[in-house]
Amino acid sequence: MRLTLWTDYSLRVLMHCAAGEAAGRRVTIADMARLHGISRHHLTKVVVALVHGGWLQGQRGRGGGLRLARAPADIRIGDVIRWAERDFQLVACMAPGASQACLLMPGCRLRGALHEALQAYLAVLDGYTLADLTTDETVATGWHTLVPMSPQLAAVNGVQKPAG
């Protein structure tokens, strides 16, 4: 299974906010976009969705920024992924009503096996919280050693560096 960039960015934002809070700082979209080599415009859309989804709180103006809406220990990674991902149909027959169009049904067991695998995948992620992903080491180094994403890493991740 491969997560979308939307989910990747959502997790990065939440992790960055958790590290920021632990360091006593508010996080801004501009800082995250620069540090991660993500388009500010696209990241703004992700942040707005995270605010509307109840994951983040934002404060405008001087001294403003983003902060988590809940404690990092209360944010399960599986829940974030379920929220961010719009399509868990690993194969076409997993779409609602599609099983009736499958020529292999009712004898095919692939759909059941993939559903079971997906549930196991999400169950593992449910065992992790945002606090688990943001260790003291992340917090200690996160504000001082994070550097902008290199062009090579951006290319591997399919991210275009923003202009300027």
C-alpha atoms as a PDB file:
ATOM      1  CA  MET A   1       0.000   0.000   0.000  1.00  0.00           C
ATOM      2  CA  ARG A   2       1.235   3.447  -0.822  1.00  0.00           C
ATOM      3  CA  LEU A   3       0.052   6.567   0.965  1.00  0.00           C
ATOM      4  CA  THR A   4      -0.793   9.682  -1.005  1.00  0.00           C
ATOM      5  CA  LEU A   5       1.305  12.837  -0.788  1.00  0.00           C
ATOM      6  CA  TRP A   6      -1.686  14.413   0.980  1.00  0.00           C
ATOM      7  CA  THR A   7      -1.338  11.894   3.794  1.00  0.00           C
ATOM      8  CA  ASP A   8       2.448  12.238   3.837  1.00  0.00           C
ATOM      9  CA  TYR A   9       2.148  16.016   4.174  1.00  0.00           C
ATOM     10  CA  SER A  10      -0.563  15.686   6.818  1.00  0.00           C
ATOM     11  CA  LEU A  11       1.691  13.473   8.928  1.00  0.00           C
ATOM     12  CA  ARG A  12       4.684  15.784   8.425  1.00  0.00           C
ATOM     13  CA  VAL A  13       2.658  18.804   9.523  1.00  0.00           C
ATOM     14  CA  LEU A  14       1.390  17.043  12.642  1.00  0.00           C
ATOM     15  CA  MET A  15       4.865  15.779  13.534  1.00  0.00           C
ATOM     16  CA  HIS A  16       6.353  19.214  12.957  1.00  0.00           C
ATOM     17  CA  CYS A  17       3.693  20.804  15.179  1.00  0.00           C
ATOM     18  CA  ALA A  18       4.302  18.228  17.914  1.00  0.00           C
ATOM     19  CA  ALA A  19       8.047  18.933  17.819  1.00  0.00           C
ATOM     20  CA  GLY A  20       7.366  22.673  17.813  1.00  0.00           C
ATOM     21  CA  GLU A  21       5.112  22.466  20.842  1.00  0.00           C
ATOM     22  CA  ALA A  22       7.663  20.378  22.721  1.00  0.00           C
ATOM     23  CA  ALA A  23      10.258  23.047  21.921  1.00  0.00           C
ATOM     24  CA  GLY A  24       7.855  25.802  23.015  1.00  0.00           C
ATOM     25  CA  ARG A  25       7.389  27.268  19.535  1.00  0.00           C
ATOM     26  CA  ARG A  26       4.488  27.752  17.173  1.00  0.00           C
ATOM     27  CA  VAL A  27       4.907  26.432  13.662  1.00  0.00           C
ATOM     28  CA  THR A  28       4.126  28.372  10.483  1.00  0.00           C
ATOM     29  CA  ILE A  29       3.174  27.132   7.048  1.00  0.00           C
ATOM     30  CA  ALA A  30       5.993  29.171   5.516  1.00  0.00           C
ATOM     31  CA  ASP A  31       8.601  27.499   7.754  1.00  0.00           C
ATOM     32  CA  MET A  32       7.299  24.002   7.029  1.00  0.00           C
ATOM     33  CA  ALA A  33       7.077  24.628   3.283  1.00  0.00           C
ATOM     34  CA  ARG A  34      10.661  25.889   3.214  1.00  0.00           C
ATOM     35  CA  LEU A  35      12.065  23.138   5.425  1.00  0.00           C
ATOM     36  CA  HIS A  36      10.330  20.276   3.621  1.00  0.00           C
ATOM     37  CA  GLY A  37      10.563  21.661   0.092  1.00  0.00           C
ATOM     38  CA  ILE A  38       6.787  21.602  -0.313  1.00  0.00           C
ATOM     39  CA  SER A  39       4.716  24.136  -2.212  1.00  0.00           C
ATOM     40  CA  ARG A  40       3.364  26.671   0.289  1.00  0.00           C
ATOM     41  CA  HIS A  41       0.076  26.804  -1.619  1.00  0.00           C
ATOM     42  CA  HIS A  42      -0.404  23.029  -1.445  1.00  0.00           C
ATOM     43  CA  LEU A  43       0.680  22.869   2.188  1.00  0.00           C
ATOM     44  CA  THR A  44      -1.856  25.593   3.024  1.00  0.00           C
ATOM     45  CA  LYS A  45      -4.622  23.358   1.646  1.00  0.00           C
ATOM     46  CA  VAL A  46      -3.411  20.477   3.817  1.00  0.00           C
ATOM     47  CA  VAL A  47      -3.243  22.689   6.923  1.00  0.00           C
ATOM     48  CA  VAL A  48      -6.739  24.106   6.325  1.00  0.00           C
ATOM     49  CA  ALA A  49      -8.081  20.556   6.031  1.00  0.00           C
ATOM     50  CA  LEU A  50      -6.254  19.528   9.227  1.00  0.00           C
ATOM     51  CA  VAL A  51      -7.825  22.491  11.044  1.00  0.00           C
ATOM     52  CA  HIS A  52     -11.296  21.627   9.732  1.00  0.00           C
ATOM     53  CA  GLY A  53     -10.678  17.969  10.601  1.00  0.00           C
ATOM     54  CA  GLY A  54      -9.989  18.889  14.214  1.00  0.00           C
ATOM     55  CA  TRP A  55      -6.312  17.923  14.197  1.00  0.00           C
ATOM     56  CA  LEU A  56      -4.841  21.445  14.367  1.00  0.00           C
ATOM     57  CA  GLN A  57      -5.658  24.891  15.668  1.00  0.00           C
ATOM     58  CA  GLY A  58      -4.388  27.999  13.967  1.00  0.00           C
ATOM     59  CA  GLN A  59      -3.861  31.505  15.198  1.00  0.00           C
ATOM     60  CA  ARG A  60      -3.384  34.392  12.804  1.00  0.00           C
ATOM     61  CA  GLY A  61      -1.295  37.469  13.278  1.00  0.00           C
ATOM     62  CA  ARG A  62       1.891  38.305  15.082  1.00  0.00           C
ATOM     63  CA  GLY A  63       2.899  35.482  17.379  1.00  0.00           C
ATOM     64  CA  GLY A  64       0.428  33.211  15.630  1.00  0.00           C
ATOM     65  CA  GLY A  65       1.002  29.836  14.097  1.00  0.00           C
ATOM     66  CA  LEU A  66      -0.208  26.299  14.297  1.00  0.00           C
ATOM     67  CA  ARG A  67      -0.584  23.974  17.237  1.00  0.00           C
ATOM     68  CA  LEU A  68      -2.098  20.566  17.785  1.00  0.00           C
ATOM     69  CA  ALA A  69      -5.757  20.440  18.762  1.00  0.00           C
ATOM     70  CA  ARG A  70      -5.010  17.464  21.036  1.00  0.00           C
ATOM     71  CA  ALA A  71      -2.032  16.106  22.911  1.00  0.00           C
ATOM     72  CA  PRO A  72       0.369  14.095  20.704  1.00  0.00           C
ATOM     73  CA  ALA A  73      -0.292  10.995  22.831  1.00  0.00           C
ATOM     74  CA  ASP A  74      -3.988  11.256  21.916  1.00  0.00           C
ATOM     75  CA  ILE A  75      -3.451  11.310  18.145  1.00  0.00           C
ATOM     76  CA  ARG A  76      -3.338   7.787  16.692  1.00  0.00           C
ATOM     77  CA  ILE A  77      -1.493   7.480  13.386  1.00  0.00           C
ATOM     78  CA  GLY A  78      -4.048   4.992  12.073  1.00  0.00           C
ATOM     79  CA  ASP A  79      -6.808   7.546  12.674  1.00  0.00           C
ATOM     80  CA  VAL A  80      -4.887  10.243  10.794  1.00  0.00           C
ATOM     81  CA  ILE A  81      -4.346   7.907   7.852  1.00  0.00           C
ATOM     82  CA  ARG A  82      -8.003   6.853   7.777  1.00  0.00           C
ATOM     83  CA  TRP A  83      -8.946  10.538   7.787  1.00  0.00           C
ATOM     84  CA  ALA A  84      -6.449  11.607   5.130  1.00  0.00           C
ATOM     85  CA  GLU A  85      -6.744   8.713   2.689  1.00  0.00           C
ATOM     86  CA  ARG A  86      -9.829   8.811   0.511  1.00  0.00           C
ATOM     87  CA  ASP A  87      -9.424   5.451  -1.196  1.00  0.00           C
ATOM     88  CA  PHE A  88      -8.641   2.152   0.482  1.00  0.00           C
ATOM     89  CA  GLN A  89      -9.771   0.103  -2.514  1.00  0.00           C
ATOM     90  CA  LEU A  90      -6.650  -1.961  -3.088  1.00  0.00           C
ATOM     91  CA  VAL A  91      -8.210  -3.607  -6.154  1.00  0.00           C
ATOM     92  CA  ALA A  92     -11.195  -2.645  -8.279  1.00  0.00           C
ATOM     93  CA  CYS A  93     -13.477  -5.284  -6.761  1.00  0.00           C
ATOM     94  CA  MET A  94     -13.222  -3.598  -3.344  1.00  0.00           C
ATOM     95  CA  ALA A  95     -15.305  -0.653  -4.567  1.00  0.00           C
ATOM     96  CA  PRO A  96     -18.858  -0.583  -3.215  1.00  0.00           C
ATOM     97  CA  GLY A  97     -21.053  -2.766  -5.416  1.00  0.00           C
ATOM     98  CA  ALA A  98     -18.156  -3.897  -7.602  1.00  0.00           C
ATOM     99  CA  SER A  99     -18.160  -7.473  -6.322  1.00  0.00           C
ATOM    100  CA  GLN A 100     -21.284  -8.206  -8.333  1.00  0.00           C
ATOM    101  CA  ALA A 101     -19.449  -7.271 -11.536  1.00  0.00           C
ATOM    102  CA  CYS A 102     -16.506  -9.587 -10.798  1.00  0.00           C
ATOM    103  CA  LEU A 103     -16.483 -12.720 -12.925  1.00  0.00           C
ATOM    104  CA  LEU A 104     -14.551 -14.626 -10.254  1.00  0.00           C
ATOM    105  CA  MET A 105     -17.110 -14.039  -7.499  1.00  0.00           C
ATOM    106  CA  PRO A 106     -18.340 -15.661  -5.337  1.00  0.00           C
ATOM    107  CA  GLY A 107     -15.405 -18.100  -5.310  1.00  0.00           C
ATOM    108  CA  CYS A 108     -12.578 -15.545  -5.346  1.00  0.00           C
ATOM    109  CA  ARG A 109     -10.864 -15.047  -2.010  1.00  0.00           C
ATOM    110  CA  LEU A 110      -8.555 -12.211  -3.059  1.00  0.00           C
ATOM    111  CA  ARG A 111     -10.909  -9.477  -1.896  1.00  0.00           C
ATOM    112  CA  GLY A 112     -11.174 -11.015   1.589  1.00  0.00           C
ATOM    113  CA  ALA A 113      -7.416 -11.516   1.863  1.00  0.00           C
ATOM    114  CA  LEU A 114      -6.702  -7.925   0.849  1.00  0.00           C
ATOM    115  CA  HIS A 115      -9.338  -6.605   3.245  1.00  0.00           C
ATOM    116  CA  GLU A 116      -7.751  -8.620   6.068  1.00  0.00           C
ATOM    117  CA  ALA A 117      -4.291  -7.302   5.146  1.00  0.00           C
ATOM    118  CA  LEU A 118      -5.566  -3.715   5.096  1.00  0.00           C
ATOM    119  CA  GLN A 119      -7.135  -4.128   8.532  1.00  0.00           C
ATOM    120  CA  ALA A 120      -3.851  -5.547   9.884  1.00  0.00           C
ATOM    121  CA  TYR A 121      -1.918  -2.625   8.354  1.00  0.00           C
ATOM    122  CA  LEU A 122      -4.229  -0.100  10.000  1.00  0.00           C
ATOM    123  CA  ALA A 123      -4.177  -2.008  13.296  1.00  0.00           C
ATOM    124  CA  VAL A 124      -0.382  -1.697  13.423  1.00  0.00           C
ATOM    125  CA  LEU A 125      -0.639   2.051  12.790  1.00  0.00           C
ATOM    126  CA  ASP A 126      -3.306   2.315  15.491  1.00  0.00           C
ATOM    127  CA  GLY A 127      -0.612   1.130  17.906  1.00  0.00           C
ATOM    128  CA  TYR A 128       1.390   4.329  17.313  1.00  0.00           C
ATOM    129  CA  THR A 129       0.618   7.857  18.418  1.00  0.00           C
ATOM    130  CA  LEU A 130       2.079  11.138  17.305  1.00  0.00           C
ATOM    131  CA  ALA A 131       4.022  11.157  20.572  1.00  0.00           C
ATOM    132  CA  ASP A 132       5.656   7.870  19.541  1.00  0.00           C
ATOM    133  CA  LEU A 133       6.853   9.440  16.287  1.00  0.00           C
ATOM    134  CA  THR A 134       8.261  12.578  17.870  1.00  0.00           C
ATOM    135  CA  THR A 135      10.914  11.455  20.304  1.00  0.00           C
ATOM    136  CA  ASP A 136      12.962  13.718  22.530  1.00  0.00           C
ATOM    137  CA  GLU A 137      15.756  13.416  19.966  1.00  0.00           C
ATOM    138  CA  THR A 138      13.445  14.689  17.214  1.00  0.00           C
ATOM    139  CA  VAL A 139      12.470  17.648  19.351  1.00  0.00           C
ATOM    140  CA  ALA A 140      16.035  18.399  20.420  1.00  0.00           C
ATOM    141  CA  THR A 141      17.361  18.417  16.877  1.00  0.00           C
ATOM    142  CA  GLY A 142      14.219  19.297  14.948  1.00  0.00           C
ATOM    143  CA  TRP A 143      14.509  23.064  15.226  1.00  0.00           C
ATOM    144  CA  HIS A 144      18.241  23.290  14.748  1.00  0.00           C
ATOM    145  CA  THR A 145      19.250  20.686  12.216  1.00  0.00           C
ATOM    146  CA  LEU A 146      16.289  20.510   9.854  1.00  0.00           C
ATOM    147  CA  VAL A 147      17.457  21.719   6.498  1.00  0.00           C
ATOM    148  CA  PRO A 148      15.530  22.278   3.302  1.00  0.00           C
ATOM    149  CA  MET A 149      14.885  19.077   1.351  1.00  0.00           C
ATOM    150  CA  SER A 150      17.653  18.493  -1.169  1.00  0.00           C
ATOM    151  CA  PRO A 151      16.707  18.526  -4.876  1.00  0.00           C
ATOM    152  CA  GLN A 152      17.665  14.831  -5.029  1.00  0.00           C
ATOM    153  CA  LEU A 153      15.397  13.873  -2.130  1.00  0.00           C
ATOM    154  CA  ALA A 154      12.627  16.064  -3.518  1.00  0.00           C
ATOM    155  CA  ALA A 155      12.891  14.241  -6.860  1.00  0.00           C
ATOM    156  CA  VAL A 156      12.757  10.829  -5.149  1.00  0.00           C
ATOM    157  CA  ASN A 157       9.661  11.940  -3.227  1.00  0.00           C
ATOM    158  CA  GLY A 158       8.042  13.426  -6.337  1.00  0.00           C
ATOM    159  CA  VAL A 159       8.052  16.912  -4.782  1.00  0.00           C
ATOM    160  CA  GLN A 160       8.692  19.999  -6.847  1.00  0.00           C
ATOM    161  CA  LYS A 161      10.680  22.682  -5.070  1.00  0.00           C
ATOM    162  CA  PRO A 162       8.702  25.904  -4.829  1.00  0.00           C
ATOM    163  CA  ALA A 163      10.021  28.885  -6.766  1.00  0.00           C
ATOM    164  CA  GLY A 164      11.728  31.517  -4.617  1.00  0.00           C
END
